[in-house]
Amino acid sequence: MANNVTPLSDREERLLGALAHGSVIGQGIGILVGVVLYVTQRDRSRRVAFQALQAAVYQFVGLLLTLGLWLVWGIVHGISYIPLFQNPEAFEDAPPPLFIISLVGMAVPLAVMVLWGLYGLWGALQTLRGRDFRYPVIGRLVG
């Protein structure tokens, strides 16, 4: 730490660390929160810097994962329309099975988004309680 920088209190560290993790509810904006906290607080608190960087990376990975899942779902869903366009009369009573599967498959990216967000909120709660929180893989890579 530089000599002219005032270190953060324990309470401030806990609040800022929790803010970094809790910003997961902001989707992509949460990544910016983590980065801004890392850049602005790294000289004042190694603890906040670690939690903020870890949260930003976690949220970035989550964003990529969910975007990838939504892309795959969109492709499968789009493909499910092909039988409808080729032979609409064959599906007057019921849609093609792949269409139903694709609609049910929409639950996968939704579930990942919800679970990813809940785990980030768990990190916020643990950090707010003053515990050293680490995401399983990301915590080791960032630390």
N, C-alpha and C. Protein backbone atom coordinates (compact mmCIF):
# COMPACT_ATOMS: atom_id res chain seq x y z
N MET A 1 0.83 -1.19 0.00
CA MET A 1 0.00 0.00 0.00
C MET A 1 0.87 1.25 0.00
N ALA A 2 0.43 2.24 -0.71
CA ALA A 2 1.15 3.51 -0.72
C ALA A 2 0.94 4.20 0.62
N ASN A 3 1.90 5.04 1.00
CA ASN A 3 1.85 5.69 2.31
C ASN A 3 0.71 6.69 2.43
N ASN A 4 0.30 7.32 1.34
CA ASN A 4 -0.73 8.36 1.42
C ASN A 4 -2.15 7.81 1.23
N VAL A 5 -2.31 6.51 1.22
CA VAL A 5 -3.62 5.91 1.03
C VAL A 5 -4.15 5.43 2.37
N THR A 6 -5.38 5.84 2.69
CA THR A 6 -6.01 5.42 3.93
C THR A 6 -6.63 4.04 3.74
N PRO A 7 -6.22 3.07 4.56
CA PRO A 7 -6.82 1.73 4.42
C PRO A 7 -8.29 1.76 4.83
N LEU A 8 -9.02 0.81 4.29
CA LEU A 8 -10.44 0.69 4.61
C LEU A 8 -10.64 0.01 5.96
N SER A 9 -11.73 0.35 6.59
CA SER A 9 -12.09 -0.35 7.83
C SER A 9 -12.62 -1.73 7.48
N ASP A 10 -12.72 -2.60 8.47
CA ASP A 10 -13.25 -3.94 8.24
C ASP A 10 -14.67 -3.87 7.70
N ARG A 11 -15.46 -2.98 8.25
CA ARG A 11 -16.85 -2.82 7.80
C ARG A 11 -16.91 -2.39 6.34
N GLU A 12 -16.07 -1.43 5.95
CA GLU A 12 -16.03 -0.98 4.56
C GLU A 12 -15.58 -2.10 3.63
N GLU A 13 -14.61 -2.87 4.07
CA GLU A 13 -14.15 -4.00 3.25
C GLU A 13 -15.27 -5.01 3.03
N ARG A 14 -15.97 -5.32 4.10
CA ARG A 14 -17.06 -6.28 3.98
C ARG A 14 -18.16 -5.76 3.06
N LEU A 15 -18.53 -4.50 3.20
CA LEU A 15 -19.59 -3.91 2.37
C LEU A 15 -19.19 -3.86 0.90
N LEU A 16 -17.97 -3.43 0.61
CA LEU A 16 -17.54 -3.33 -0.78
C LEU A 16 -17.36 -4.71 -1.41
N GLY A 17 -16.87 -5.67 -0.65
CA GLY A 17 -16.76 -7.03 -1.16
C GLY A 17 -18.13 -7.61 -1.46
N ALA A 18 -19.08 -7.37 -0.56
CA ALA A 18 -20.45 -7.84 -0.78
C ALA A 18 -21.08 -7.15 -1.98
N LEU A 19 -20.80 -5.88 -2.16
CA LEU A 19 -21.31 -5.15 -3.31
C LEU A 19 -20.79 -5.76 -4.61
N ALA A 20 -19.51 -6.11 -4.63
CA ALA A 20 -18.93 -6.72 -5.83
C ALA A 20 -19.63 -8.02 -6.18
N HIS A 21 -19.83 -8.88 -5.19
CA HIS A 21 -20.50 -10.16 -5.44
C HIS A 21 -21.99 -9.96 -5.72
N GLY A 22 -22.63 -9.10 -4.97
CA GLY A 22 -24.07 -8.88 -5.11
C GLY A 22 -24.45 -8.21 -6.42
N SER A 23 -23.49 -7.58 -7.07
CA SER A 23 -23.80 -6.93 -8.35
C SER A 23 -24.08 -7.95 -9.44
N VAL A 24 -24.00 -9.23 -9.11
CA VAL A 24 -24.35 -10.29 -10.06
C VAL A 24 -25.79 -10.13 -10.54
N ILE A 25 -26.64 -9.53 -9.74
CA ILE A 25 -28.04 -9.34 -10.16
C ILE A 25 -28.16 -8.30 -11.26
N GLY A 26 -27.12 -7.54 -11.50
CA GLY A 26 -27.15 -6.52 -12.55
C GLY A 26 -26.74 -7.04 -13.91
N GLN A 27 -26.63 -8.36 -14.05
CA GLN A 27 -26.19 -9.00 -15.30
C GLN A 27 -24.84 -8.42 -15.72
N GLY A 28 -24.69 -7.93 -16.92
CA GLY A 28 -23.40 -7.45 -17.42
C GLY A 28 -22.87 -6.24 -16.69
N ILE A 29 -23.75 -5.44 -16.11
CA ILE A 29 -23.32 -4.25 -15.37
C ILE A 29 -22.52 -4.65 -14.13
N GLY A 30 -22.84 -5.81 -13.57
CA GLY A 30 -22.11 -6.28 -12.40
C GLY A 30 -20.63 -6.48 -12.66
N ILE A 31 -20.28 -6.84 -13.88
CA ILE A 31 -18.87 -6.98 -14.24
C ILE A 31 -18.17 -5.63 -14.08
N LEU A 32 -18.81 -4.58 -14.54
CA LEU A 32 -18.23 -3.24 -14.41
C LEU A 32 -18.09 -2.83 -12.95
N VAL A 33 -19.06 -3.19 -12.14
CA VAL A 33 -18.97 -2.87 -10.70
C VAL A 33 -17.73 -3.52 -10.11
N GLY A 34 -17.51 -4.80 -10.41
CA GLY A 34 -16.33 -5.49 -9.90
C GLY A 34 -15.03 -4.87 -10.39
N VAL A 35 -14.98 -4.52 -11.65
CA VAL A 35 -13.77 -3.92 -12.22
C VAL A 35 -13.51 -2.55 -11.60
N VAL A 36 -14.56 -1.74 -11.48
CA VAL A 36 -14.39 -0.40 -10.89
C VAL A 36 -13.94 -0.52 -9.44
N LEU A 37 -14.54 -1.43 -8.68
CA LEU A 37 -14.11 -1.61 -7.29
C LEU A 37 -12.67 -2.09 -7.22
N TYR A 38 -12.30 -2.99 -8.11
CA TYR A 38 -10.90 -3.47 -8.12
C TYR A 38 -9.94 -2.32 -8.39
N VAL A 39 -10.22 -1.55 -9.42
CA VAL A 39 -9.31 -0.47 -9.82
C VAL A 39 -9.24 0.62 -8.76
N THR A 40 -10.38 0.97 -8.16
CA THR A 40 -10.39 2.08 -7.21
C THR A 40 -9.96 1.69 -5.80
N GLN A 41 -10.04 0.40 -5.46
CA GLN A 41 -9.77 0.00 -4.08
C GLN A 41 -8.52 -0.86 -3.91
N ARG A 42 -7.85 -1.22 -4.98
CA ARG A 42 -6.72 -2.15 -4.85
C ARG A 42 -5.57 -1.60 -4.01
N ASP A 43 -5.41 -0.28 -3.97
CA ASP A 43 -4.37 0.30 -3.13
C ASP A 43 -4.81 0.45 -1.68
N ARG A 44 -6.10 0.40 -1.44
CA ARG A 44 -6.61 0.59 -0.09
C ARG A 44 -6.86 -0.72 0.65
N SER A 45 -7.17 -1.79 -0.14
CA SER A 45 -7.52 -3.06 0.52
C SER A 45 -7.29 -4.23 -0.44
N ARG A 46 -6.38 -5.10 -0.06
CA ARG A 46 -6.15 -6.30 -0.87
C ARG A 46 -7.37 -7.21 -0.83
N ARG A 47 -8.06 -7.20 0.30
CA ARG A 47 -9.25 -8.03 0.47
C ARG A 47 -10.36 -7.61 -0.50
N VAL A 48 -10.62 -6.31 -0.58
CA VAL A 48 -11.65 -5.82 -1.50
C VAL A 48 -11.22 -6.06 -2.94
N ALA A 49 -9.95 -5.80 -3.22
CA ALA A 49 -9.45 -6.00 -4.58
C ALA A 49 -9.64 -7.45 -5.02
N PHE A 50 -9.31 -8.39 -4.14
CA PHE A 50 -9.46 -9.80 -4.47
C PHE A 50 -10.93 -10.16 -4.69
N GLN A 51 -11.80 -9.74 -3.78
CA GLN A 51 -13.22 -10.06 -3.90
C GLN A 51 -13.82 -9.43 -5.16
N ALA A 52 -13.42 -8.20 -5.45
CA ALA A 52 -13.97 -7.50 -6.62
C ALA A 52 -13.50 -8.14 -7.92
N LEU A 53 -12.22 -8.46 -8.01
CA LEU A 53 -11.70 -9.08 -9.23
C LEU A 53 -12.31 -10.47 -9.42
N GLN A 54 -12.39 -11.21 -8.35
CA GLN A 54 -12.99 -12.54 -8.40
C GLN A 54 -14.45 -12.46 -8.85
N ALA A 55 -15.20 -11.50 -8.29
CA ALA A 55 -16.61 -11.35 -8.66
C ALA A 55 -16.75 -10.94 -10.12
N ALA A 56 -15.88 -10.05 -10.60
CA ALA A 56 -15.95 -9.62 -12.00
C ALA A 56 -15.67 -10.78 -12.94
N VAL A 57 -14.68 -11.59 -12.63
CA VAL A 57 -14.36 -12.74 -13.47
C VAL A 57 -15.50 -13.75 -13.42
N TYR A 58 -16.02 -14.02 -12.24
CA TYR A 58 -17.15 -14.96 -12.09
C TYR A 58 -18.34 -14.51 -12.94
N GLN A 59 -18.65 -13.22 -12.87
CA GLN A 59 -19.79 -12.72 -13.62
C GLN A 59 -19.53 -12.72 -15.12
N PHE A 60 -18.29 -12.48 -15.53
CA PHE A 60 -17.94 -12.53 -16.95
C PHE A 60 -18.09 -13.95 -17.48
N VAL A 61 -17.58 -14.92 -16.72
CA VAL A 61 -17.72 -16.33 -17.12
C VAL A 61 -19.21 -16.71 -17.20
N GLY A 62 -19.98 -16.26 -16.22
CA GLY A 62 -21.41 -16.54 -16.22
C GLY A 62 -22.11 -15.92 -17.42
N LEU A 63 -21.71 -14.71 -17.77
CA LEU A 63 -22.30 -14.05 -18.94
C LEU A 63 -21.99 -14.83 -20.21
N LEU A 64 -20.73 -15.23 -20.38
CA LEU A 64 -20.36 -16.02 -21.56
C LEU A 64 -21.10 -17.35 -21.61
N LEU A 65 -21.19 -18.00 -20.46
CA LEU A 65 -21.87 -19.29 -20.40
C LEU A 65 -23.35 -19.16 -20.76
N THR A 66 -24.02 -18.20 -20.17
CA THR A 66 -25.44 -18.06 -20.46
C THR A 66 -25.69 -17.59 -21.89
N LEU A 67 -24.85 -16.71 -22.40
CA LEU A 67 -25.00 -16.31 -23.80
C LEU A 67 -24.81 -17.51 -24.73
N GLY A 68 -23.82 -18.34 -24.42
CA GLY A 68 -23.60 -19.55 -25.21
C GLY A 68 -24.79 -20.50 -25.14
N LEU A 69 -25.33 -20.68 -23.96
CA LEU A 69 -26.50 -21.56 -23.81
C LEU A 69 -27.72 -21.01 -24.55
N TRP A 70 -27.91 -19.69 -24.48
CA TRP A 70 -29.03 -19.09 -25.20
C TRP A 70 -28.83 -19.21 -26.71
N LEU A 71 -27.60 -19.09 -27.17
CA LEU A 71 -27.32 -19.24 -28.59
C LEU A 71 -27.64 -20.66 -29.06
N VAL A 72 -27.16 -21.65 -28.30
CA VAL A 72 -27.46 -23.04 -28.65
C VAL A 72 -28.97 -23.29 -28.63
N TRP A 73 -29.63 -22.78 -27.60
CA TRP A 73 -31.08 -22.95 -27.53
C TRP A 73 -31.76 -22.30 -28.74
N GLY A 74 -31.33 -21.10 -29.11
CA GLY A 74 -31.93 -20.40 -30.25
C GLY A 74 -31.74 -21.17 -31.56
N ILE A 75 -30.58 -21.77 -31.72
CA ILE A 75 -30.33 -22.56 -32.92
C ILE A 75 -31.25 -23.78 -32.95
N VAL A 76 -31.31 -24.49 -31.83
CA VAL A 76 -32.18 -25.68 -31.76
C VAL A 76 -33.64 -25.27 -31.97
N HIS A 77 -34.04 -24.19 -31.35
CA HIS A 77 -35.43 -23.73 -31.51
C HIS A 77 -35.71 -23.35 -32.96
N GLY A 78 -34.77 -22.67 -33.59
CA GLY A 78 -34.94 -22.32 -35.00
C GLY A 78 -35.04 -23.55 -35.88
N ILE A 79 -34.20 -24.54 -35.61
CA ILE A 79 -34.24 -25.79 -36.38
C ILE A 79 -35.58 -26.49 -36.19
N SER A 80 -36.16 -26.34 -35.02
CA SER A 80 -37.43 -27.02 -34.74
C SER A 80 -38.57 -26.51 -35.62
N TYR A 81 -38.40 -25.34 -36.23
CA TYR A 81 -39.43 -24.79 -37.12
C TYR A 81 -39.35 -25.38 -38.54
N ILE A 82 -38.24 -25.99 -38.89
CA ILE A 82 -38.07 -26.50 -40.26
C ILE A 82 -39.20 -27.45 -40.65
N PRO A 83 -39.54 -28.46 -39.83
CA PRO A 83 -40.66 -29.33 -40.24
C PRO A 83 -41.97 -28.57 -40.43
N LEU A 84 -42.19 -27.54 -39.63
CA LEU A 84 -43.42 -26.75 -39.77
C LEU A 84 -43.45 -26.02 -41.11
N PHE A 85 -42.31 -25.52 -41.55
CA PHE A 85 -42.25 -24.82 -42.83
C PHE A 85 -42.32 -25.78 -44.01
N GLN A 86 -41.74 -26.96 -43.84
CA GLN A 86 -41.72 -27.93 -44.94
C GLN A 86 -43.09 -28.56 -45.17
N ASN A 87 -43.79 -28.86 -44.09
CA ASN A 87 -45.06 -29.55 -44.23
C ASN A 87 -46.03 -29.08 -43.13
N PRO A 88 -46.59 -27.90 -43.27
CA PRO A 88 -47.45 -27.36 -42.21
C PRO A 88 -48.70 -28.20 -41.95
N GLU A 89 -49.21 -28.86 -42.96
CA GLU A 89 -50.43 -29.64 -42.79
C GLU A 89 -50.22 -30.83 -41.85
N ALA A 90 -49.01 -31.34 -41.81
CA ALA A 90 -48.72 -32.52 -40.96
C ALA A 90 -48.77 -32.18 -39.47
N PHE A 91 -48.72 -30.89 -39.16
CA PHE A 91 -48.65 -30.50 -37.75
C PHE A 91 -49.82 -29.60 -37.34
N GLU A 92 -50.97 -29.83 -37.95
CA GLU A 92 -52.14 -29.03 -37.60
C GLU A 92 -52.64 -29.35 -36.19
N ASP A 93 -52.51 -30.60 -35.77
CA ASP A 93 -53.00 -31.00 -34.44
C ASP A 93 -51.97 -30.81 -33.34
N ALA A 94 -50.71 -30.96 -33.67
CA ALA A 94 -49.65 -30.86 -32.64
C ALA A 94 -48.36 -30.43 -33.30
N PRO A 95 -47.56 -29.67 -32.59
CA PRO A 95 -46.28 -29.25 -33.17
C PRO A 95 -45.29 -30.43 -33.23
N PRO A 96 -44.22 -30.27 -33.99
CA PRO A 96 -43.21 -31.34 -34.06
C PRO A 96 -42.58 -31.59 -32.68
N PRO A 97 -42.16 -32.82 -32.42
CA PRO A 97 -41.55 -33.13 -31.12
C PRO A 97 -40.33 -32.25 -30.80
N LEU A 98 -39.51 -31.94 -31.80
CA LEU A 98 -38.34 -31.12 -31.54
C LEU A 98 -38.74 -29.72 -31.06
N PHE A 99 -39.86 -29.24 -31.52
CA PHE A 99 -40.35 -27.93 -31.08
C PHE A 99 -40.67 -27.97 -29.58
N ILE A 100 -41.35 -29.02 -29.15
CA ILE A 100 -41.68 -29.18 -27.73
C ILE A 100 -40.40 -29.32 -26.91
N ILE A 101 -39.46 -30.12 -27.41
CA ILE A 101 -38.19 -30.31 -26.71
C ILE A 101 -37.45 -28.99 -26.59
N SER A 102 -37.48 -28.19 -27.65
CA SER A 102 -36.77 -26.91 -27.59
C SER A 102 -37.42 -25.95 -26.59
N LEU A 103 -38.74 -25.98 -26.51
CA LEU A 103 -39.41 -25.13 -25.52
C LEU A 103 -39.05 -25.55 -24.09
N VAL A 104 -39.03 -26.85 -23.86
CA VAL A 104 -38.64 -27.35 -22.53
C VAL A 104 -37.16 -27.04 -22.28
N GLY A 105 -36.36 -27.13 -23.36
CA GLY A 105 -34.93 -26.85 -23.24
C GLY A 105 -34.61 -25.43 -22.85
N MET A 106 -35.58 -24.53 -23.00
CA MET A 106 -35.39 -23.15 -22.58
C MET A 106 -35.12 -23.07 -21.08
N ALA A 107 -35.53 -24.08 -20.34
CA ALA A 107 -35.31 -24.09 -18.90
C ALA A 107 -33.82 -24.18 -18.55
N VAL A 108 -33.02 -24.74 -19.43
CA VAL A 108 -31.60 -24.92 -19.12
C VAL A 108 -30.89 -23.58 -18.96
N PRO A 109 -30.90 -22.69 -19.96
CA PRO A 109 -30.22 -21.40 -19.74
C PRO A 109 -30.86 -20.58 -18.62
N LEU A 110 -32.18 -20.69 -18.48
CA LEU A 110 -32.83 -19.96 -17.38
C LEU A 110 -32.35 -20.46 -16.03
N ALA A 111 -32.27 -21.78 -15.88
CA ALA A 111 -31.82 -22.35 -14.61
C ALA A 111 -30.36 -21.97 -14.32
N VAL A 112 -29.53 -22.00 -15.34
CA VAL A 112 -28.12 -21.63 -15.14
C VAL A 112 -28.03 -20.17 -14.70
N MET A 113 -28.81 -19.30 -15.33
CA MET A 113 -28.79 -17.89 -14.94
C MET A 113 -29.19 -17.71 -13.47
N VAL A 114 -30.25 -18.39 -13.08
CA VAL A 114 -30.74 -18.25 -11.70
C VAL A 114 -29.72 -18.81 -10.71
N LEU A 115 -29.23 -20.01 -10.97
CA LEU A 115 -28.27 -20.63 -10.05
C LEU A 115 -26.97 -19.84 -9.98
N TRP A 116 -26.52 -19.33 -11.11
CA TRP A 116 -25.29 -18.54 -11.15
C TRP A 116 -25.47 -17.28 -10.30
N GLY A 117 -26.62 -16.65 -10.45
CA GLY A 117 -26.90 -15.45 -9.66
C GLY A 117 -27.02 -15.74 -8.18
N LEU A 118 -27.68 -16.84 -7.84
CA LEU A 118 -27.81 -17.19 -6.42
C LEU A 118 -26.47 -17.48 -5.77
N TYR A 119 -25.58 -18.13 -6.52
CA TYR A 119 -24.26 -18.41 -5.93
C TYR A 119 -23.46 -17.11 -5.74
N GLY A 120 -23.63 -16.17 -6.66
CA GLY A 120 -22.99 -14.86 -6.48
C GLY A 120 -23.55 -14.14 -5.26
N LEU A 121 -24.85 -14.25 -5.04
CA LEU A 121 -25.45 -13.65 -3.85
C LEU A 121 -24.99 -14.35 -2.57
N TRP A 122 -24.76 -15.66 -2.67
CA TRP A 122 -24.19 -16.38 -1.52
C TRP A 122 -22.80 -15.82 -1.20
N GLY A 123 -22.03 -15.54 -2.24
CA GLY A 123 -20.71 -14.93 -2.03
C GLY A 123 -20.83 -13.57 -1.37
N ALA A 124 -21.84 -12.80 -1.77
CA ALA A 124 -22.06 -11.49 -1.15
C ALA A 124 -22.38 -11.64 0.33
N LEU A 125 -23.23 -12.59 0.65
CA LEU A 125 -23.60 -12.82 2.06
C LEU A 125 -22.39 -13.25 2.88
N GLN A 126 -21.61 -14.16 2.34
CA GLN A 126 -20.44 -14.64 3.07
C GLN A 126 -19.43 -13.51 3.29
N THR A 127 -19.22 -12.71 2.26
CA THR A 127 -18.29 -11.58 2.37
C THR A 127 -18.81 -10.54 3.36
N LEU A 128 -20.10 -10.30 3.32
CA LEU A 128 -20.70 -9.34 4.27
C LEU A 128 -20.53 -9.83 5.71
N ARG A 129 -20.56 -11.13 5.90
CA ARG A 129 -20.35 -11.70 7.24
C ARG A 129 -18.89 -11.70 7.66
N GLY A 130 -18.01 -11.26 6.77
CA GLY A 130 -16.59 -11.19 7.10
C GLY A 130 -15.81 -12.45 6.78
N ARG A 131 -16.41 -13.38 6.08
CA ARG A 131 -15.74 -14.63 5.73
C ARG A 131 -14.99 -14.46 4.41
N ASP A 132 -13.88 -15.15 4.30
CA ASP A 132 -13.10 -15.13 3.06
C ASP A 132 -13.78 -16.04 2.05
N PHE A 133 -14.44 -15.46 1.08
CA PHE A 133 -15.18 -16.24 0.09
C PHE A 133 -14.35 -16.42 -1.17
N ARG A 134 -14.34 -17.65 -1.67
CA ARG A 134 -13.63 -17.96 -2.92
C ARG A 134 -14.52 -18.84 -3.79
N TYR A 135 -14.64 -18.45 -5.05
CA TYR A 135 -15.30 -19.33 -6.01
C TYR A 135 -14.35 -20.49 -6.27
N PRO A 136 -14.87 -21.70 -6.43
CA PRO A 136 -14.00 -22.89 -6.51
C PRO A 136 -12.81 -22.79 -7.47
N VAL A 137 -13.00 -22.47 -8.71
CA VAL A 137 -11.88 -22.40 -9.66
C VAL A 137 -11.36 -21.00 -9.79
N ILE A 138 -12.26 -20.05 -9.91
CA ILE A 138 -11.89 -18.66 -10.14
C ILE A 138 -11.09 -18.09 -8.98
N GLY A 139 -11.45 -18.46 -7.76
CA GLY A 139 -10.71 -17.96 -6.59
C GLY A 139 -9.25 -18.36 -6.62
N ARG A 140 -8.96 -19.56 -7.08
CA ARG A 140 -7.56 -19.99 -7.19
C ARG A 140 -6.83 -19.29 -8.32
N LEU A 141 -7.52 -19.09 -9.45
CA LEU A 141 -6.90 -18.45 -10.59
C LEU A 141 -6.61 -16.98 -10.32
N VAL A 142 -7.53 -16.30 -9.70
CA VAL A 142 -7.38 -14.86 -9.44
C VAL A 142 -6.44 -14.62 -8.27
N GLY A 143 -6.51 -15.49 -7.27
CA GLY A 143 -5.72 -15.32 -6.05
C GLY A 143 -4.29 -15.56 -6.31
